[in-house]
Amino acid sequence: MEETRCTILFDGQFWIALVEKTGGDGTVSVGKYTFGSEPANTEVREFLLYRLASVRTFPSPVAVRIKTDRSRAEQDRTTRKSRDIYKDLQKEYFAEKKKQLTRDDAADRAEKFRLKKEKKKQKRRGH
């Protein structure tokens, strides 16, 4: 059974929703949705009904034991851990994406240079 837990908190600059999706086998995926300024009740309700399912989550390498009743301190620790895991996974994702874009950009520049050279060669031939 999959369980989704959403925690809305102030992250120092923005209000965010931290989404934790726990699978039946103990796998955890974490994601973040940024509200910006303090969300009104209607915004929170709209988020929970329509946008929660589309929040991008990253699979976490850390398995979590599910507890139904948690004290406030335990809940704060879990939220902090989830936020830290999300930040680490997001950094890895964007580093890989940047690496891929850099490779694509280098290939595009090489192709552009080759076409420019070809055009220059054709010009010299008088065509």
C-alpha atoms as a PDB file:
ATOM      1  CA  MET A   1       0.000   0.000   0.000  1.00  0.00           C
ATOM      2  CA  GLU A   2       1.354   3.387  -0.968  1.00  0.00           C
ATOM      3  CA  GLU A   3       1.218   6.216   1.524  1.00  0.00           C
ATOM      4  CA  THR A   4       1.618   9.890   0.658  1.00  0.00           C
ATOM      5  CA  ARG A   5       2.488  12.390   3.347  1.00  0.00           C
ATOM      6  CA  CYS A   6       2.526  16.136   2.710  1.00  0.00           C
ATOM      7  CA  THR A   7       4.059  18.644   5.122  1.00  0.00           C
ATOM      8  CA  ILE A   8       3.642  22.381   4.533  1.00  0.00           C
ATOM      9  CA  LEU A   9       6.367  24.495   6.110  1.00  0.00           C
ATOM     10  CA  PHE A  10       8.248  27.782   5.853  1.00  0.00           C
ATOM     11  CA  ASP A  11      11.682  27.210   4.339  1.00  0.00           C
ATOM     12  CA  GLY A  12      13.236  30.527   5.386  1.00  0.00           C
ATOM     13  CA  GLN A  13      12.302  32.268   2.141  1.00  0.00           C
ATOM     14  CA  PHE A  14       9.205  30.533   0.744  1.00  0.00           C
ATOM     15  CA  TRP A  15       6.345  28.350   1.898  1.00  0.00           C
ATOM     16  CA  ILE A  16       6.808  24.841   0.514  1.00  0.00           C
ATOM     17  CA  ALA A  17       5.004  21.516   0.535  1.00  0.00           C
ATOM     18  CA  LEU A  18       7.318  18.586   1.182  1.00  0.00           C
ATOM     19  CA  VAL A  19       5.819  15.427  -0.330  1.00  0.00           C
ATOM     20  CA  GLU A  20       6.920  11.968   0.826  1.00  0.00           C
ATOM     21  CA  LYS A  21       5.572   8.954  -1.068  1.00  0.00           C
ATOM     22  CA  THR A  22       6.219   5.637   0.690  1.00  0.00           C
ATOM     23  CA  GLY A  23       5.716   2.383  -1.183  1.00  0.00           C
ATOM     24  CA  GLY A  24       4.575  -0.851   0.385  1.00  0.00           C
ATOM     25  CA  ASP A  25       8.099  -2.272   0.184  1.00  0.00           C
ATOM     26  CA  GLY A  26       9.610   0.608   2.206  1.00  0.00           C
ATOM     27  CA  THR A  27      10.902   2.677  -0.728  1.00  0.00           C
ATOM     28  CA  VAL A  28      10.578   6.411  -0.319  1.00  0.00           C
ATOM     29  CA  SER A  29      10.336   9.175  -2.912  1.00  0.00           C
ATOM     30  CA  VAL A  30      10.519  12.826  -1.909  1.00  0.00           C
ATOM     31  CA  GLY A  31       9.456  15.951  -3.761  1.00  0.00           C
ATOM     32  CA  LYS A  32       8.916  19.642  -3.161  1.00  0.00           C
ATOM     33  CA  TYR A  33       6.297  22.124  -4.321  1.00  0.00           C
ATOM     34  CA  THR A  34       6.900  25.855  -3.759  1.00  0.00           C
ATOM     35  CA  PHE A  35       3.926  28.062  -2.899  1.00  0.00           C
ATOM     36  CA  GLY A  36       5.821  31.356  -2.618  1.00  0.00           C
ATOM     37  CA  SER A  37       4.033  33.589  -0.145  1.00  0.00           C
ATOM     38  CA  GLU A  38       1.945  32.076   2.642  1.00  0.00           C
ATOM     39  CA  PRO A  39      -0.762  29.968   0.969  1.00  0.00           C
ATOM     40  CA  ALA A  40      -4.410  30.566   1.709  1.00  0.00           C
ATOM     41  CA  ASN A  41      -6.645  27.646   2.646  1.00  0.00           C
ATOM     42  CA  THR A  42      -8.102  27.569  -0.864  1.00  0.00           C
ATOM     43  CA  GLU A  43      -4.600  27.336  -2.368  1.00  0.00           C
ATOM     44  CA  VAL A  44      -3.713  24.447  -0.063  1.00  0.00           C
ATOM     45  CA  ARG A  45      -6.949  22.634  -0.883  1.00  0.00           C
ATOM     46  CA  GLU A  46      -6.409  23.169  -4.630  1.00  0.00           C
ATOM     47  CA  PHE A  47      -2.857  21.860  -4.314  1.00  0.00           C
ATOM     48  CA  LEU A  48      -3.960  18.749  -2.427  1.00  0.00           C
ATOM     49  CA  LEU A  49      -6.783  17.987  -4.857  1.00  0.00           C
ATOM     50  CA  TYR A  50      -5.215  18.806  -8.226  1.00  0.00           C
ATOM     51  CA  ARG A  51      -1.441  19.265  -8.062  1.00  0.00           C
ATOM     52  CA  LEU A  52      -0.232  16.779  -5.442  1.00  0.00           C
ATOM     53  CA  ALA A  53      -0.234  13.847  -7.874  1.00  0.00           C
ATOM     54  CA  SER A  54       1.864  15.757 -10.436  1.00  0.00           C
ATOM     55  CA  VAL A  55       4.671  16.784  -8.047  1.00  0.00           C
ATOM     56  CA  ARG A  56       8.000  15.391  -9.314  1.00  0.00           C
ATOM     57  CA  THR A  57       9.526  13.074  -6.750  1.00  0.00           C
ATOM     58  CA  PHE A  58      13.002  11.604  -6.577  1.00  0.00           C
ATOM     59  CA  PRO A  59      13.538   8.072  -5.242  1.00  0.00           C
ATOM     60  CA  SER A  60      15.467   8.064  -2.001  1.00  0.00           C
ATOM     61  CA  PRO A  61      18.225   5.541  -1.308  1.00  0.00           C
ATOM     62  CA  VAL A  62      17.180   5.469   2.354  1.00  0.00           C
ATOM     63  CA  ALA A  63      14.383   3.087   3.347  1.00  0.00           C
ATOM     64  CA  VAL A  64      12.059   4.306   6.083  1.00  0.00           C
ATOM     65  CA  ARG A  65      10.097   2.417   8.678  1.00  0.00           C
ATOM     66  CA  ILE A  66       6.503   3.635   8.699  1.00  0.00           C
ATOM     67  CA  LYS A  67       5.044   4.724  12.036  1.00  0.00           C
ATOM     68  CA  THR A  68       1.475   5.891  12.248  1.00  0.00           C
ATOM     69  CA  ASP A  69       1.755   7.802  15.543  1.00  0.00           C
ATOM     70  CA  ARG A  70       4.723  10.150  15.791  1.00  0.00           C
ATOM     71  CA  SER A  71       5.582  12.748  18.346  1.00  0.00           C
ATOM     72  CA  ARG A  72       6.211  16.325  17.257  1.00  0.00           C
ATOM     73  CA  ALA A  73      10.007  15.909  17.626  1.00  0.00           C
ATOM     74  CA  GLU A  74       9.992  12.715  15.555  1.00  0.00           C
ATOM     75  CA  GLN A  75       7.885  14.408  12.900  1.00  0.00           C
ATOM     76  CA  ASP A  76      10.274  17.377  12.766  1.00  0.00           C
ATOM     77  CA  ARG A  77      13.290  15.057  12.437  1.00  0.00           C
ATOM     78  CA  THR A  78      11.638  13.080   9.648  1.00  0.00           C
ATOM     79  CA  THR A  79      10.674  16.261   7.816  1.00  0.00           C
ATOM     80  CA  ARG A  80      14.214  17.617   8.125  1.00  0.00           C
ATOM     81  CA  LYS A  81      15.682  14.333   6.848  1.00  0.00           C
ATOM     82  CA  SER A  82      13.258  14.268   3.916  1.00  0.00           C
ATOM     83  CA  ARG A  83      14.114  17.852   3.015  1.00  0.00           C
ATOM     84  CA  ASP A  84      17.856  17.089   3.143  1.00  0.00           C
ATOM     85  CA  ILE A  85      17.400  13.953   1.030  1.00  0.00           C
ATOM     86  CA  TYR A  86      15.362  15.944  -1.494  1.00  0.00           C
ATOM     87  CA  LYS A  87      18.065  18.606  -1.757  1.00  0.00           C
ATOM     88  CA  ASP A  88      20.785  15.988  -2.321  1.00  0.00           C
ATOM     89  CA  LEU A  89      18.768  14.124  -4.943  1.00  0.00           C
ATOM     90  CA  GLN A  90      17.861  17.354  -6.696  1.00  0.00           C
ATOM     91  CA  LYS A  91      21.545  18.370  -6.838  1.00  0.00           C
ATOM     92  CA  GLU A  92      22.443  14.996  -8.390  1.00  0.00           C
ATOM     93  CA  TYR A  93      19.600  15.292 -10.910  1.00  0.00           C
ATOM     94  CA  PHE A  94      20.570  18.801 -12.017  1.00  0.00           C
ATOM     95  CA  ALA A  95      24.279  17.913 -12.168  1.00  0.00           C
ATOM     96  CA  GLU A  96      23.483  15.010 -14.497  1.00  0.00           C
ATOM     97  CA  LYS A  97      21.164  17.204 -16.554  1.00  0.00           C
ATOM     98  CA  LYS A  98      23.848  19.902 -16.838  1.00  0.00           C
ATOM     99  CA  LYS A  99      26.406  17.292 -17.907  1.00  0.00           C
ATOM    100  CA  GLN A 100      24.016  16.065 -20.621  1.00  0.00           C
ATOM    101  CA  LEU A 101      23.314  19.626 -21.821  1.00  0.00           C
ATOM    102  CA  THR A 102      27.039  20.356 -21.958  1.00  0.00           C
ATOM    103  CA  ARG A 103      27.599  17.276 -24.139  1.00  0.00           C
ATOM    104  CA  ASP A 104      24.703  18.255 -26.405  1.00  0.00           C
ATOM    105  CA  ASP A 105      25.951  21.846 -26.598  1.00  0.00           C
ATOM    106  CA  ALA A 106      29.457  20.726 -27.582  1.00  0.00           C
ATOM    107  CA  ALA A 107      28.025  18.530 -30.333  1.00  0.00           C
ATOM    108  CA  ASP A 108      25.854  21.411 -31.591  1.00  0.00           C
ATOM    109  CA  ARG A 109      28.827  23.772 -31.673  1.00  0.00           C
ATOM    110  CA  ALA A 110      30.913  21.236 -33.586  1.00  0.00           C
ATOM    111  CA  GLU A 111      28.117  20.733 -36.128  1.00  0.00           C
ATOM    112  CA  LYS A 112      27.667  24.484 -36.506  1.00  0.00           C
ATOM    113  CA  PHE A 113      31.404  24.934 -37.064  1.00  0.00           C
ATOM    114  CA  ARG A 114      31.421  22.149 -39.669  1.00  0.00           C
ATOM    115  CA  LEU A 115      28.518  23.740 -41.566  1.00  0.00           C
ATOM    116  CA  LYS A 116      30.210  27.143 -41.443  1.00  0.00           C
ATOM    117  CA  LYS A 117      33.404  25.653 -42.860  1.00  0.00           C
ATOM    118  CA  GLU A 118      31.473  23.868 -45.595  1.00  0.00           C
ATOM    119  CA  LYS A 119      29.683  27.079 -46.561  1.00  0.00           C
ATOM    120  CA  LYS A 120      32.985  28.970 -46.676  1.00  0.00           C
ATOM    121  CA  LYS A 121      34.487  26.237 -48.872  1.00  0.00           C
ATOM    122  CA  GLN A 122      31.524  26.434 -51.270  1.00  0.00           C
ATOM    123  CA  LYS A 123      31.883  30.222 -51.466  1.00  0.00           C
ATOM    124  CA  ARG A 124      35.549  29.936 -52.401  1.00  0.00           C
ATOM    125  CA  ARG A 125      34.678  27.534 -55.197  1.00  0.00           C
ATOM    126  CA  GLY A 126      32.278  30.101 -56.649  1.00  0.00           C
ATOM    127  CA  HIS A 127      29.051  28.156 -56.205  1.00  0.00           C
END
